Amino acid sequence: THEKLCRFIARESESVVVSVGYRLAPEHKYPAAYEDCLNATQHFLQHLEHYGVDPARVIVCGDSAGGNLAAAVSQTLAGRSDLPKLRAQILIYPGLQALDFNLPSYQQNRGVPLLFRERAAFYVLQYLNGNATNLEEVLEGSHIPVDIKLNYRKWVSPD
């Protein structure tokens, strides 16, 4: 689905673009997609000379679920001293938090196609465990214990 876009980015930026065809949910639950992206990125970083890539110019990018995966891979590799450091990460409408589907951005965009609020929560559940039976609890916010909500309120809050 992204081949034309990747070719465009490669051509226009005169860059090498590696697109990872990771395993998809619900057939392949977490952490399958993350492991695929991490393994591909590590392999690429370990063999940059084979691809003729400058180690100081590697960026990871992703959109939607791929944005989530790019962020997770970036965090994992941030502490690695045996691999070249990533130059940057580009996250395009990434799915980064599933603690609270009642934040202002979810409320303001709850009816915006293509990713309605309910659909976003449904896809998160598919990604994690392939089971959306507790979708209503997730939408209400009762899927997260109060003590965890308190720990994360500094980062995940309407304020």
N, C-alpha and C. Protein backbone atom coordinates (compact mmCIF):
# COMPACT_ATOMS: atom_id res chain seq x y z
N THR A 1 0.81 -1.21 0.00
CA THR A 1 0.00 0.00 0.00
C THR A 1 0.85 1.27 0.00
N HIS A 2 2.09 1.18 0.43
CA HIS A 2 2.92 2.38 0.55
C HIS A 2 4.08 2.41 -0.45
N GLU A 3 4.12 1.47 -1.39
CA GLU A 3 5.26 1.40 -2.30
C GLU A 3 5.44 2.67 -3.13
N LYS A 4 4.36 3.20 -3.70
CA LYS A 4 4.48 4.42 -4.52
C LYS A 4 4.98 5.59 -3.67
N LEU A 5 4.46 5.71 -2.46
CA LEU A 5 4.91 6.80 -1.57
C LEU A 5 6.38 6.63 -1.22
N CYS A 6 6.81 5.42 -0.91
CA CYS A 6 8.22 5.18 -0.58
C CYS A 6 9.12 5.48 -1.77
N ARG A 7 8.70 5.10 -2.96
CA ARG A 7 9.48 5.41 -4.17
C ARG A 7 9.58 6.92 -4.38
N PHE A 8 8.47 7.62 -4.15
CA PHE A 8 8.45 9.07 -4.29
C PHE A 8 9.42 9.72 -3.30
N ILE A 9 9.34 9.30 -2.04
CA ILE A 9 10.23 9.85 -1.02
C ILE A 9 11.69 9.58 -1.39
N ALA A 10 11.98 8.36 -1.82
CA ALA A 10 13.36 8.00 -2.18
C ALA A 10 13.85 8.86 -3.35
N ARG A 11 13.01 9.01 -4.36
CA ARG A 11 13.39 9.77 -5.55
C ARG A 11 13.57 11.26 -5.22
N GLU A 12 12.60 11.85 -4.55
CA GLU A 12 12.62 13.29 -4.29
C GLU A 12 13.68 13.70 -3.26
N SER A 13 13.98 12.81 -2.33
CA SER A 13 14.97 13.14 -1.29
C SER A 13 16.34 12.55 -1.59
N GLU A 14 16.43 11.83 -2.72
CA GLU A 14 17.67 11.15 -3.07
C GLU A 14 18.17 10.31 -1.90
N SER A 15 17.25 9.52 -1.36
CA SER A 15 17.53 8.70 -0.18
C SER A 15 17.27 7.23 -0.47
N VAL A 16 17.83 6.41 0.39
CA VAL A 16 17.51 4.99 0.39
C VAL A 16 16.32 4.82 1.33
N VAL A 17 15.26 4.18 0.87
CA VAL A 17 14.09 3.94 1.69
C VAL A 17 13.92 2.44 1.83
N VAL A 18 13.82 1.98 3.06
CA VAL A 18 13.56 0.58 3.34
C VAL A 18 12.18 0.50 3.97
N SER A 19 11.29 -0.20 3.32
CA SER A 19 9.92 -0.34 3.82
C SER A 19 9.76 -1.76 4.37
N VAL A 20 9.37 -1.84 5.63
CA VAL A 20 9.26 -3.14 6.29
C VAL A 20 7.83 -3.66 6.15
N GLY A 21 7.71 -4.84 5.58
CA GLY A 21 6.41 -5.50 5.48
C GLY A 21 6.19 -6.34 6.73
N TYR A 22 5.75 -5.71 7.80
CA TYR A 22 5.60 -6.41 9.08
C TYR A 22 4.29 -7.19 9.13
N ARG A 23 4.28 -8.17 10.02
CA ARG A 23 3.08 -9.00 10.21
C ARG A 23 1.97 -8.16 10.83
N LEU A 24 0.74 -8.41 10.39
CA LEU A 24 -0.40 -7.60 10.78
C LEU A 24 -1.32 -8.31 11.76
N ALA A 25 -1.95 -7.50 12.62
CA ALA A 25 -2.99 -7.99 13.53
C ALA A 25 -4.29 -8.08 12.72
N PRO A 26 -5.23 -8.87 13.11
CA PRO A 26 -5.27 -9.65 14.34
C PRO A 26 -4.63 -11.03 14.23
N GLU A 27 -4.23 -11.42 13.00
CA GLU A 27 -3.62 -12.75 12.86
C GLU A 27 -2.32 -12.85 13.65
N HIS A 28 -1.58 -11.77 13.67
CA HIS A 28 -0.30 -11.74 14.38
C HIS A 28 -0.38 -10.66 15.44
N LYS A 29 -0.49 -11.08 16.68
CA LYS A 29 -0.68 -10.15 17.79
C LYS A 29 0.64 -9.55 18.24
N TYR A 30 0.53 -8.49 19.04
CA TYR A 30 1.71 -7.87 19.65
C TYR A 30 2.51 -8.94 20.37
N PRO A 31 3.81 -8.97 20.22
CA PRO A 31 4.72 -7.98 19.64
C PRO A 31 5.23 -8.33 18.24
N ALA A 32 4.49 -9.10 17.46
CA ALA A 32 4.98 -9.56 16.15
C ALA A 32 5.41 -8.40 15.25
N ALA A 33 4.57 -7.41 15.05
CA ALA A 33 4.90 -6.29 14.16
C ALA A 33 6.11 -5.52 14.69
N TYR A 34 6.14 -5.28 15.99
CA TYR A 34 7.27 -4.58 16.60
C TYR A 34 8.57 -5.36 16.38
N GLU A 35 8.54 -6.65 16.63
CA GLU A 35 9.74 -7.48 16.43
C GLU A 35 10.20 -7.46 14.98
N ASP A 36 9.26 -7.51 14.04
CA ASP A 36 9.63 -7.45 12.62
C ASP A 36 10.34 -6.14 12.29
N CYS A 37 9.79 -5.04 12.77
CA CYS A 37 10.39 -3.72 12.49
C CYS A 37 11.73 -3.56 13.19
N LEU A 38 11.82 -4.00 14.43
CA LEU A 38 13.07 -3.90 15.16
C LEU A 38 14.15 -4.75 14.50
N ASN A 39 13.82 -5.98 14.14
CA ASN A 39 14.80 -6.87 13.51
C ASN A 39 15.27 -6.30 12.16
N ALA A 40 14.33 -5.78 11.37
CA ALA A 40 14.71 -5.21 10.07
C ALA A 40 15.60 -3.99 10.25
N THR A 41 15.28 -3.14 11.21
CA THR A 41 16.07 -1.93 11.45
C THR A 41 17.46 -2.29 11.96
N GLN A 42 17.54 -3.22 12.87
CA GLN A 42 18.84 -3.65 13.39
C GLN A 42 19.69 -4.24 12.27
N HIS A 43 19.09 -5.09 11.45
CA HIS A 43 19.82 -5.69 10.34
C HIS A 43 20.34 -4.61 9.40
N PHE A 44 19.48 -3.66 9.06
CA PHE A 44 19.88 -2.58 8.16
C PHE A 44 21.04 -1.78 8.76
N LEU A 45 20.94 -1.43 10.04
CA LEU A 45 21.99 -0.65 10.70
C LEU A 45 23.31 -1.43 10.78
N GLN A 46 23.23 -2.73 10.90
CA GLN A 46 24.43 -3.56 10.97
C GLN A 46 25.10 -3.73 9.61
N HIS A 47 24.38 -3.47 8.53
CA HIS A 47 24.89 -3.70 7.17
C HIS A 47 24.82 -2.47 6.29
N LEU A 48 24.95 -1.29 6.89
CA LEU A 48 24.83 -0.04 6.13
C LEU A 48 25.84 0.04 4.99
N GLU A 49 27.06 -0.45 5.21
CA GLU A 49 28.10 -0.37 4.17
C GLU A 49 27.68 -1.17 2.94
N HIS A 50 26.98 -2.27 3.14
CA HIS A 50 26.49 -3.09 2.02
C HIS A 50 25.51 -2.29 1.16
N TYR A 51 24.72 -1.43 1.79
CA TYR A 51 23.71 -0.64 1.08
C TYR A 51 24.23 0.73 0.66
N GLY A 52 25.47 1.06 1.03
CA GLY A 52 26.05 2.34 0.68
C GLY A 52 25.39 3.51 1.38
N VAL A 53 25.02 3.33 2.64
CA VAL A 53 24.29 4.34 3.40
C VAL A 53 25.19 4.95 4.47
N ASP A 54 25.17 6.27 4.56
CA ASP A 54 25.90 7.01 5.59
C ASP A 54 25.26 6.73 6.94
N PRO A 55 26.00 6.18 7.90
CA PRO A 55 25.43 5.85 9.22
C PRO A 55 24.85 7.05 9.96
N ALA A 56 25.28 8.25 9.65
CA ALA A 56 24.79 9.44 10.34
C ALA A 56 23.50 9.98 9.74
N ARG A 57 22.95 9.28 8.73
CA ARG A 57 21.78 9.83 8.03
C ARG A 57 20.60 8.87 8.00
N VAL A 58 20.49 8.01 9.00
CA VAL A 58 19.39 7.03 9.02
C VAL A 58 18.24 7.59 9.86
N ILE A 59 17.06 7.57 9.27
CA ILE A 59 15.84 8.06 9.91
C ILE A 59 14.80 6.95 9.83
N VAL A 60 14.02 6.79 10.90
CA VAL A 60 12.88 5.86 10.83
C VAL A 60 11.61 6.69 10.72
N CYS A 61 10.64 6.13 10.01
CA CYS A 61 9.40 6.86 9.73
C CYS A 61 8.25 5.87 9.71
N GLY A 62 7.07 6.35 10.07
CA GLY A 62 5.89 5.52 9.97
C GLY A 62 4.63 6.34 10.12
N ASP A 63 3.54 5.82 9.57
CA ASP A 63 2.25 6.48 9.73
C ASP A 63 1.29 5.53 10.42
N SER A 64 0.40 6.09 11.23
CA SER A 64 -0.62 5.34 11.94
C SER A 64 0.05 4.28 12.83
N ALA A 65 -0.29 3.01 12.64
CA ALA A 65 0.34 1.95 13.43
C ALA A 65 1.84 1.91 13.17
N GLY A 66 2.24 2.24 11.94
CA GLY A 66 3.67 2.31 11.62
C GLY A 66 4.37 3.41 12.37
N GLY A 67 3.66 4.49 12.69
CA GLY A 67 4.21 5.55 13.51
C GLY A 67 4.47 5.07 14.93
N ASN A 68 3.55 4.26 15.42
CA ASN A 68 3.74 3.64 16.73
C ASN A 68 4.98 2.75 16.71
N LEU A 69 5.11 1.96 15.66
CA LEU A 69 6.25 1.04 15.55
C LEU A 69 7.56 1.80 15.40
N ALA A 70 7.56 2.87 14.62
CA ALA A 70 8.78 3.68 14.46
C ALA A 70 9.20 4.29 15.80
N ALA A 71 8.23 4.76 16.57
CA ALA A 71 8.55 5.33 17.89
C ALA A 71 9.11 4.25 18.82
N ALA A 72 8.50 3.08 18.82
CA ALA A 72 8.96 2.00 19.69
C ALA A 72 10.36 1.53 19.31
N VAL A 73 10.62 1.41 18.01
CA VAL A 73 11.96 1.01 17.55
C VAL A 73 12.98 2.07 17.94
N SER A 74 12.62 3.34 17.76
CA SER A 74 13.53 4.44 18.13
C SER A 74 13.87 4.40 19.60
N GLN A 75 12.88 4.18 20.44
CA GLN A 75 13.12 4.10 21.89
C GLN A 75 14.01 2.92 22.23
N THR A 76 13.77 1.79 21.60
CA THR A 76 14.57 0.60 21.88
C THR A 76 16.02 0.80 21.49
N LEU A 77 16.24 1.43 20.34
CA LEU A 77 17.60 1.58 19.84
C LEU A 77 18.34 2.77 20.45
N ALA A 78 17.64 3.65 21.14
CA ALA A 78 18.26 4.86 21.69
C ALA A 78 19.42 4.54 22.63
N GLY A 79 19.34 3.47 23.37
CA GLY A 79 20.39 3.14 24.32
C GLY A 79 21.45 2.19 23.80
N ARG A 80 21.38 1.84 22.54
CA ARG A 80 22.32 0.87 21.96
C ARG A 80 23.60 1.57 21.54
N SER A 81 24.74 1.13 22.06
CA SER A 81 26.02 1.72 21.67
C SER A 81 26.70 0.91 20.56
N ASP A 82 26.16 -0.26 20.24
CA ASP A 82 26.77 -1.11 19.22
C ASP A 82 26.23 -0.84 17.82
N LEU A 83 25.29 0.08 17.69
CA LEU A 83 24.70 0.42 16.40
C LEU A 83 24.78 1.92 16.18
N PRO A 84 24.80 2.36 14.91
CA PRO A 84 24.76 3.80 14.65
C PRO A 84 23.48 4.40 15.24
N LYS A 85 23.57 5.63 15.71
CA LYS A 85 22.41 6.33 16.26
C LYS A 85 21.48 6.75 15.12
N LEU A 86 20.20 6.67 15.37
CA LEU A 86 19.23 7.16 14.41
C LEU A 86 19.30 8.68 14.39
N ARG A 87 19.22 9.25 13.21
CA ARG A 87 19.27 10.71 13.09
C ARG A 87 17.97 11.34 13.56
N ALA A 88 16.86 10.69 13.25
CA ALA A 88 15.56 11.25 13.61
C ALA A 88 14.49 10.19 13.45
N GLN A 89 13.31 10.54 13.92
CA GLN A 89 12.12 9.74 13.66
C GLN A 89 11.04 10.67 13.13
N ILE A 90 10.31 10.17 12.14
CA ILE A 90 9.20 10.93 11.58
C ILE A 90 7.93 10.12 11.85
N LEU A 91 7.04 10.72 12.63
CA LEU A 91 5.81 10.03 13.03
C LEU A 91 4.63 10.78 12.43
N ILE A 92 3.91 10.10 11.54
CA ILE A 92 2.78 10.71 10.83
C ILE A 92 1.50 10.12 11.42
N TYR A 93 0.69 10.94 12.04
CA TYR A 93 -0.51 10.55 12.80
C TYR A 93 -0.32 9.20 13.49
N PRO A 94 0.69 9.12 14.39
CA PRO A 94 0.98 7.85 15.04
C PRO A 94 -0.03 7.49 16.12
N GLY A 95 -0.25 6.20 16.29
CA GLY A 95 -1.04 5.72 17.42
C GLY A 95 -0.11 5.53 18.60
N LEU A 96 -0.12 6.49 19.52
CA LEU A 96 0.88 6.45 20.60
C LEU A 96 0.30 6.25 22.00
N GLN A 97 -0.98 6.45 22.19
CA GLN A 97 -1.50 6.26 23.54
C GLN A 97 -2.87 5.62 23.48
N ALA A 98 -3.07 4.66 24.36
CA ALA A 98 -4.36 3.99 24.47
C ALA A 98 -4.86 4.00 25.90
N LEU A 99 -4.33 4.95 26.67
CA LEU A 99 -4.76 5.07 28.06
C LEU A 99 -6.12 5.75 28.17
N ASP A 100 -6.36 6.75 27.31
CA ASP A 100 -7.57 7.55 27.45
C ASP A 100 -8.10 7.96 26.08
N PHE A 101 -9.22 7.37 25.71
CA PHE A 101 -9.86 7.70 24.43
C PHE A 101 -10.89 8.81 24.60
N ASN A 102 -10.81 9.53 25.74
CA ASN A 102 -11.72 10.64 25.99
C ASN A 102 -11.01 11.98 26.06
N LEU A 103 -9.76 12.01 25.64
CA LEU A 103 -9.03 13.26 25.61
C LEU A 103 -9.62 14.18 24.54
N PRO A 104 -9.35 15.48 24.62
CA PRO A 104 -9.95 16.42 23.67
C PRO A 104 -9.75 16.05 22.20
N SER A 105 -8.57 15.56 21.84
CA SER A 105 -8.35 15.23 20.42
C SER A 105 -9.27 14.11 19.96
N TYR A 106 -9.51 13.12 20.82
CA TYR A 106 -10.44 12.05 20.45
C TYR A 106 -11.87 12.58 20.39
N GLN A 107 -12.23 13.46 21.31
CA GLN A 107 -13.58 14.01 21.31
C GLN A 107 -13.81 14.92 20.10
N GLN A 108 -12.84 15.77 19.81
CA GLN A 108 -12.99 16.71 18.69
C GLN A 108 -13.03 15.99 17.35
N ASN A 109 -12.36 14.86 17.25
CA ASN A 109 -12.27 14.13 15.98
C ASN A 109 -13.03 12.81 16.00
N ARG A 110 -13.93 12.66 16.93
CA ARG A 110 -14.63 11.38 17.10
C ARG A 110 -15.40 10.95 15.87
N GLY A 111 -15.85 11.88 15.05
CA GLY A 111 -16.62 11.53 13.87
C GLY A 111 -15.91 11.82 12.56
N VAL A 112 -14.59 12.02 12.63
CA VAL A 112 -13.83 12.34 11.42
C VAL A 112 -13.43 11.04 10.72
N PRO A 113 -13.88 10.87 9.47
CA PRO A 113 -13.43 9.68 8.74
C PRO A 113 -11.93 9.78 8.51
N LEU A 114 -11.28 8.83 8.41
CA LEU A 114 -11.49 7.40 8.36
C LEU A 114 -11.34 6.74 9.73
N LEU A 115 -10.73 7.41 10.64
CA LEU A 115 -10.41 6.75 11.91
C LEU A 115 -11.27 7.33 13.03
N PHE A 116 -12.50 6.90 13.08
CA PHE A 116 -13.41 7.30 14.13
C PHE A 116 -12.85 6.84 15.49
N ARG A 117 -13.25 7.50 16.55
CA ARG A 117 -12.78 7.18 17.90
C ARG A 117 -12.97 5.70 18.22
N GLU A 118 -14.17 5.17 17.95
CA GLU A 118 -14.45 3.76 18.24
C GLU A 118 -13.55 2.84 17.43
N ARG A 119 -13.31 3.22 16.18
CA ARG A 119 -12.47 2.40 15.32
C ARG A 119 -11.03 2.41 15.81
N ALA A 120 -10.56 3.56 16.28
CA ALA A 120 -9.19 3.65 16.82
C ALA A 120 -9.03 2.70 18.00
N ALA A 121 -9.98 2.71 18.91
CA ALA A 121 -9.92 1.81 20.07
C ALA A 121 -10.00 0.35 19.63
N PHE A 122 -10.86 0.06 18.67
CA PHE A 122 -11.00 -1.30 18.15
C PHE A 122 -9.67 -1.80 17.59
N TYR A 123 -8.99 -0.95 16.80
CA TYR A 123 -7.72 -1.36 16.20
C TYR A 123 -6.63 -1.55 17.25
N VAL A 124 -6.63 -0.75 18.28
CA VAL A 124 -5.66 -0.94 19.36
C VAL A 124 -5.87 -2.31 19.99
N LEU A 125 -7.11 -2.67 20.25
CA LEU A 125 -7.40 -3.98 20.84
C LEU A 125 -7.01 -5.11 19.90
N GLN A 126 -7.25 -4.94 18.62
CA GLN A 126 -6.85 -5.96 17.64
C GLN A 126 -5.34 -6.14 17.65
N TYR A 127 -4.63 -5.03 17.71
CA TYR A 127 -3.16 -5.06 17.71
C TYR A 127 -2.63 -5.76 18.96
N LEU A 128 -3.22 -5.45 20.10
CA LEU A 128 -2.70 -6.00 21.36
C LEU A 128 -3.03 -7.47 21.55
N ASN A 129 -4.31 -7.83 21.38
CA ASN A 129 -4.66 -9.22 21.68
C ASN A 129 -5.71 -9.83 20.76
N GLY A 130 -6.15 -9.10 19.74
CA GLY A 130 -7.10 -9.65 18.79
C GLY A 130 -8.50 -9.84 19.33
N ASN A 131 -8.81 -9.20 20.47
CA ASN A 131 -10.09 -9.39 21.11
C ASN A 131 -10.68 -8.02 21.46
N ALA A 132 -11.83 -7.69 20.86
CA ALA A 132 -12.44 -6.39 21.09
C ALA A 132 -13.69 -6.48 21.96
N THR A 133 -13.81 -7.54 22.75
CA THR A 133 -15.02 -7.69 23.57
C THR A 133 -15.14 -6.63 24.65
N ASN A 134 -14.03 -6.05 25.08
CA ASN A 134 -14.11 -5.01 26.11
C ASN A 134 -13.96 -3.60 25.51
N LEU A 135 -14.43 -3.42 24.29
CA LEU A 135 -14.34 -2.13 23.61
C LEU A 135 -15.02 -1.02 24.40
N GLU A 136 -16.19 -1.28 24.95
CA GLU A 136 -16.92 -0.24 25.71
C GLU A 136 -16.13 0.20 26.94
N GLU A 137 -15.50 -0.75 27.63
CA GLU A 137 -14.70 -0.37 28.81
C GLU A 137 -13.52 0.51 28.41
N VAL A 138 -12.92 0.19 27.27
CA VAL A 138 -11.80 1.00 26.78
C VAL A 138 -12.27 2.40 26.44
N LEU A 139 -13.41 2.52 25.77
CA LEU A 139 -13.94 3.83 25.41
C LEU A 139 -14.33 4.64 26.64
N GLU A 140 -14.80 3.97 27.68
CA GLU A 140 -15.16 4.65 28.93
C GLU A 140 -13.93 5.00 29.76
N GLY A 141 -12.83 4.31 29.50
CA GLY A 141 -11.61 4.55 30.28
C GLY A 141 -11.48 3.67 31.50
N SER A 142 -12.34 2.67 31.64
CA SER A 142 -12.29 1.81 32.82
C SER A 142 -11.32 0.63 32.65
N HIS A 143 -10.58 0.60 31.56
CA HIS A 143 -9.62 -0.47 31.33
C HIS A 143 -8.27 -0.20 32.01
N ILE A 144 -8.09 1.00 32.53
CA ILE A 144 -6.84 1.38 33.18
C ILE A 144 -7.10 1.61 34.66
N PRO A 145 -6.37 0.93 35.53
CA PRO A 145 -6.54 1.16 36.96
C PRO A 145 -6.26 2.61 37.34
N VAL A 146 -6.94 3.10 38.35
CA VAL A 146 -6.83 4.49 38.78
C VAL A 146 -5.40 4.87 39.12
N ASP A 147 -4.65 3.97 39.79
CA ASP A 147 -3.27 4.30 40.17
C ASP A 147 -2.38 4.52 38.94
N ILE A 148 -2.63 3.78 37.88
CA ILE A 148 -1.84 3.98 36.65
C ILE A 148 -2.23 5.30 36.00
N LYS A 149 -3.53 5.62 35.98
CA LYS A 149 -3.97 6.90 35.44
C LYS A 149 -3.30 8.04 36.19
N LEU A 150 -3.21 7.93 37.50
CA LEU A 150 -2.56 8.98 38.30
C LEU A 150 -1.09 9.11 37.95
N ASN A 151 -0.42 7.98 37.71
CA ASN A 151 1.00 8.02 37.35
C ASN A 151 1.25 8.72 36.02
N TYR A 152 0.32 8.61 35.09
CA TYR A 152 0.51 9.14 33.75
C TYR A 152 -0.23 10.46 33.49
N ARG A 153 -0.92 11.00 34.49
CA ARG A 153 -1.72 12.21 34.28
C ARG A 153 -0.90 13.41 33.84
N LYS A 154 0.40 13.42 34.18
CA LYS A 154 1.27 14.52 33.76
C LYS A 154 1.37 14.56 32.23
N TRP A 155 1.32 13.40 31.58
CA TRP A 155 1.50 13.30 30.13
C TRP A 155 0.19 13.06 29.39
N VAL A 156 -0.75 12.37 30.04
CA VAL A 156 -2.01 12.02 29.39
C VAL A 156 -3.14 12.63 30.20
N SER A 157 -3.52 13.83 29.80
CA SER A 157 -4.57 14.54 30.54
C SER A 157 -5.18 15.60 29.64
N PRO A 158 -6.44 15.94 29.86
CA PRO A 158 -7.07 17.00 29.06
C PRO A 158 -6.36 18.35 29.22
N ASP A 159 -5.64 18.52 30.30
CA ASP A 159 -4.92 19.78 30.52
C ASP A 159 -3.68 19.88 29.66
